[in-house]
Amino acid sequence: MILEMMAVSLAALAGLGIVTFAALRAWHGWLAFRRWEVERGGLDAGSRIELAALRERLRRLEAIAAGVDL
């Protein structure tokens, strides 16, 4: 019984370690992408406005799909 619980605990710990490692790799990749984006000049004002408008439309569509009145 104790060995089974120990094996399950070790497997859970190993799984948590794998998930944590994958999350950290993704985080570092995202940071590298943002760093690259900033170094190349980022977005101009017009692109940011368009992106904000797209995000607002997406938010409204998601609210409609969920049946929420705005």
N, C-alpha and C. Protein backbone atom coordinates (compact mmCIF):
# COMPACT_ATOMS: atom_id res chain seq x y z
N MET A 1 0.82 -1.18 0.00
CA MET A 1 0.00 0.00 0.00
C MET A 1 0.87 1.26 0.00
N ILE A 2 1.88 1.27 0.84
CA ILE A 2 2.76 2.44 0.93
C ILE A 2 3.55 2.59 -0.37
N LEU A 3 4.02 1.47 -0.93
CA LEU A 3 4.77 1.55 -2.18
C LEU A 3 3.91 2.06 -3.31
N GLU A 4 2.64 1.67 -3.33
CA GLU A 4 1.74 2.15 -4.38
C GLU A 4 1.52 3.65 -4.25
N MET A 5 1.31 4.11 -3.02
CA MET A 5 1.12 5.55 -2.81
C MET A 5 2.38 6.32 -3.16
N MET A 6 3.53 5.73 -2.85
CA MET A 6 4.79 6.39 -3.18
C MET A 6 4.98 6.46 -4.70
N ALA A 7 4.63 5.39 -5.41
CA ALA A 7 4.76 5.38 -6.86
C ALA A 7 3.83 6.42 -7.49
N VAL A 8 2.61 6.51 -7.00
CA VAL A 8 1.67 7.50 -7.52
C VAL A 8 2.17 8.91 -7.24
N SER A 9 2.70 9.12 -6.05
CA SER A 9 3.23 10.44 -5.69
C SER A 9 4.40 10.83 -6.58
N LEU A 10 5.29 9.88 -6.81
CA LEU A 10 6.45 10.17 -7.67
C LEU A 10 6.02 10.43 -9.11
N ALA A 11 5.03 9.68 -9.60
CA ALA A 11 4.53 9.91 -10.95
C ALA A 11 3.87 11.28 -11.06
N ALA A 12 3.12 11.67 -10.03
CA ALA A 12 2.48 12.99 -10.03
C ALA A 12 3.53 14.09 -9.99
N LEU A 13 4.55 13.90 -9.19
CA LEU A 13 5.62 14.88 -9.10
C LEU A 13 6.38 15.00 -10.43
N ALA A 14 6.63 13.86 -11.07
CA ALA A 14 7.30 13.89 -12.37
C ALA A 14 6.42 14.60 -13.40
N GLY A 15 5.13 14.33 -13.38
CA GLY A 15 4.21 15.00 -14.31
C GLY A 15 4.17 16.49 -14.08
N LEU A 16 4.15 16.89 -12.83
CA LEU A 16 4.16 18.31 -12.51
C LEU A 16 5.45 18.96 -12.99
N GLY A 17 6.56 18.26 -12.84
CA GLY A 17 7.83 18.79 -13.32
C GLY A 17 7.84 18.97 -14.83
N ILE A 18 7.28 18.01 -15.54
CA ILE A 18 7.23 18.10 -17.00
C ILE A 18 6.36 19.27 -17.44
N VAL A 19 5.20 19.42 -16.80
CA VAL A 19 4.31 20.52 -17.15
C VAL A 19 4.96 21.87 -16.83
N THR A 20 5.63 21.96 -15.69
CA THR A 20 6.32 23.19 -15.32
C THR A 20 7.42 23.52 -16.31
N PHE A 21 8.19 22.52 -16.72
CA PHE A 21 9.26 22.74 -17.69
C PHE A 21 8.69 23.23 -19.01
N ALA A 22 7.59 22.63 -19.48
CA ALA A 22 6.97 23.04 -20.73
C ALA A 22 6.43 24.47 -20.63
N ALA A 23 5.84 24.81 -19.50
CA ALA A 23 5.32 26.17 -19.32
C ALA A 23 6.45 27.20 -19.32
N LEU A 24 7.56 26.86 -18.68
CA LEU A 24 8.70 27.79 -18.67
C LEU A 24 9.29 27.96 -20.06
N ARG A 25 9.35 26.88 -20.83
CA ARG A 25 9.84 26.98 -22.21
C ARG A 25 8.93 27.87 -23.04
N ALA A 26 7.63 27.72 -22.88
CA ALA A 26 6.68 28.55 -23.60
C ALA A 26 6.81 30.01 -23.19
N TRP A 27 6.99 30.27 -21.89
CA TRP A 27 7.14 31.62 -21.39
C TRP A 27 8.39 32.28 -21.98
N HIS A 28 9.50 31.53 -22.01
CA HIS A 28 10.73 32.08 -22.58
C HIS A 28 10.58 32.34 -24.07
N GLY A 29 9.87 31.47 -24.76
CA GLY A 29 9.61 31.69 -26.18
C GLY A 29 8.78 32.93 -26.41
N TRP A 30 7.75 33.13 -25.59
CA TRP A 30 6.91 34.31 -25.72
C TRP A 30 7.72 35.57 -25.45
N LEU A 31 8.57 35.53 -24.41
CA LEU A 31 9.41 36.69 -24.11
C LEU A 31 10.37 36.99 -25.26
N ALA A 32 10.93 35.96 -25.85
CA ALA A 32 11.84 36.16 -26.99
C ALA A 32 11.09 36.78 -28.16
N PHE A 33 9.87 36.33 -28.39
CA PHE A 33 9.06 36.89 -29.47
C PHE A 33 8.77 38.38 -29.21
N ARG A 34 8.37 38.70 -27.98
CA ARG A 34 8.08 40.10 -27.65
C ARG A 34 9.34 40.96 -27.76
N ARG A 35 10.48 40.42 -27.35
CA ARG A 35 11.74 41.15 -27.46
C ARG A 35 12.06 41.42 -28.92
N TRP A 36 11.88 40.41 -29.77
CA TRP A 36 12.10 40.56 -31.20
C TRP A 36 11.15 41.61 -31.78
N GLU A 37 9.88 41.57 -31.34
CA GLU A 37 8.89 42.53 -31.83
C GLU A 37 9.28 43.96 -31.45
N VAL A 38 9.77 44.17 -30.24
CA VAL A 38 10.17 45.49 -29.80
C VAL A 38 11.40 45.96 -30.56
N GLU A 39 12.35 45.05 -30.79
CA GLU A 39 13.57 45.42 -31.50
C GLU A 39 13.30 45.82 -32.94
N ARG A 40 12.30 45.24 -33.56
CA ARG A 40 12.02 45.57 -34.96
C ARG A 40 11.11 46.79 -35.09
N GLY A 41 10.71 47.37 -33.97
CA GLY A 41 9.94 48.59 -34.03
C GLY A 41 8.53 48.47 -33.51
N GLY A 42 8.07 47.26 -33.26
CA GLY A 42 6.72 47.09 -32.73
C GLY A 42 5.65 47.45 -33.74
N LEU A 43 4.49 47.76 -33.25
CA LEU A 43 3.36 48.12 -34.08
C LEU A 43 3.23 49.63 -34.14
N ASP A 44 2.82 50.14 -35.30
CA ASP A 44 2.55 51.57 -35.39
C ASP A 44 1.16 51.86 -34.82
N ALA A 45 0.81 53.13 -34.70
CA ALA A 45 -0.44 53.52 -34.05
C ALA A 45 -1.65 52.97 -34.81
N GLY A 46 -1.61 53.01 -36.13
CA GLY A 46 -2.75 52.51 -36.92
C GLY A 46 -2.99 51.03 -36.71
N SER A 47 -1.93 50.28 -36.64
CA SER A 47 -2.06 48.83 -36.42
C SER A 47 -2.61 48.54 -35.02
N ARG A 48 -2.19 49.33 -34.06
CA ARG A 48 -2.69 49.13 -32.70
C ARG A 48 -4.18 49.44 -32.60
N ILE A 49 -4.61 50.47 -33.31
CA ILE A 49 -6.04 50.82 -33.31
C ILE A 49 -6.85 49.70 -33.97
N GLU A 50 -6.35 49.19 -35.10
CA GLU A 50 -7.04 48.09 -35.78
C GLU A 50 -7.10 46.86 -34.88
N LEU A 51 -6.00 46.57 -34.21
CA LEU A 51 -5.96 45.41 -33.32
C LEU A 51 -6.95 45.58 -32.16
N ALA A 52 -7.03 46.77 -31.61
CA ALA A 52 -7.98 47.03 -30.53
C ALA A 52 -9.41 46.88 -31.02
N ALA A 53 -9.69 47.35 -32.23
CA ALA A 53 -11.04 47.21 -32.79
C ALA A 53 -11.38 45.73 -33.01
N LEU A 54 -10.42 44.95 -33.48
CA LEU A 54 -10.66 43.52 -33.68
C LEU A 54 -10.92 42.83 -32.36
N ARG A 55 -10.18 43.20 -31.34
CA ARG A 55 -10.38 42.60 -30.02
C ARG A 55 -11.76 42.94 -29.47
N GLU A 56 -12.22 44.18 -29.68
CA GLU A 56 -13.54 44.58 -29.22
C GLU A 56 -14.63 43.81 -29.96
N ARG A 57 -14.48 43.66 -31.27
CA ARG A 57 -15.47 42.88 -32.03
C ARG A 57 -15.49 41.44 -31.57
N LEU A 58 -14.33 40.87 -31.30
CA LEU A 58 -14.26 39.49 -30.81
C LEU A 58 -14.93 39.36 -29.45
N ARG A 59 -14.72 40.33 -28.57
CA ARG A 59 -15.36 40.31 -27.27
C ARG A 59 -16.88 40.36 -27.40
N ARG A 60 -17.37 41.19 -28.32
CA ARG A 60 -18.81 41.29 -28.54
C ARG A 60 -19.37 39.99 -29.11
N LEU A 61 -18.65 39.40 -30.06
CA LEU A 61 -19.11 38.13 -30.64
C LEU A 61 -19.15 37.03 -29.59
N GLU A 62 -18.14 36.99 -28.73
CA GLU A 62 -18.13 35.98 -27.66
C GLU A 62 -19.29 36.20 -26.71
N ALA A 63 -19.62 37.47 -26.43
CA ALA A 63 -20.76 37.74 -25.54
C ALA A 63 -22.06 37.31 -26.20
N ILE A 64 -22.20 37.55 -27.49
CA ILE A 64 -23.40 37.12 -28.21
C ILE A 64 -23.50 35.61 -28.19
N ALA A 65 -22.38 34.94 -28.41
CA ALA A 65 -22.40 33.47 -28.42
C ALA A 65 -22.75 32.92 -27.04
N ALA A 66 -22.35 33.61 -25.99
CA ALA A 66 -22.64 33.15 -24.63
C ALA A 66 -24.03 33.57 -24.20
N GLY A 67 -24.72 34.42 -24.99
CA GLY A 67 -26.05 34.86 -24.65
C GLY A 67 -26.09 35.96 -23.61
N VAL A 68 -25.04 36.76 -23.55
CA VAL A 68 -24.94 37.85 -22.57
C VAL A 68 -25.27 39.15 -23.29
N ASP A 69 -26.13 39.97 -22.67
CA ASP A 69 -26.43 41.31 -23.23
C ASP A 69 -25.35 42.27 -22.80
N LEU A 70 -24.93 43.11 -23.73
CA LEU A 70 -23.91 44.10 -23.41
C LEU A 70 -24.52 45.39 -22.96
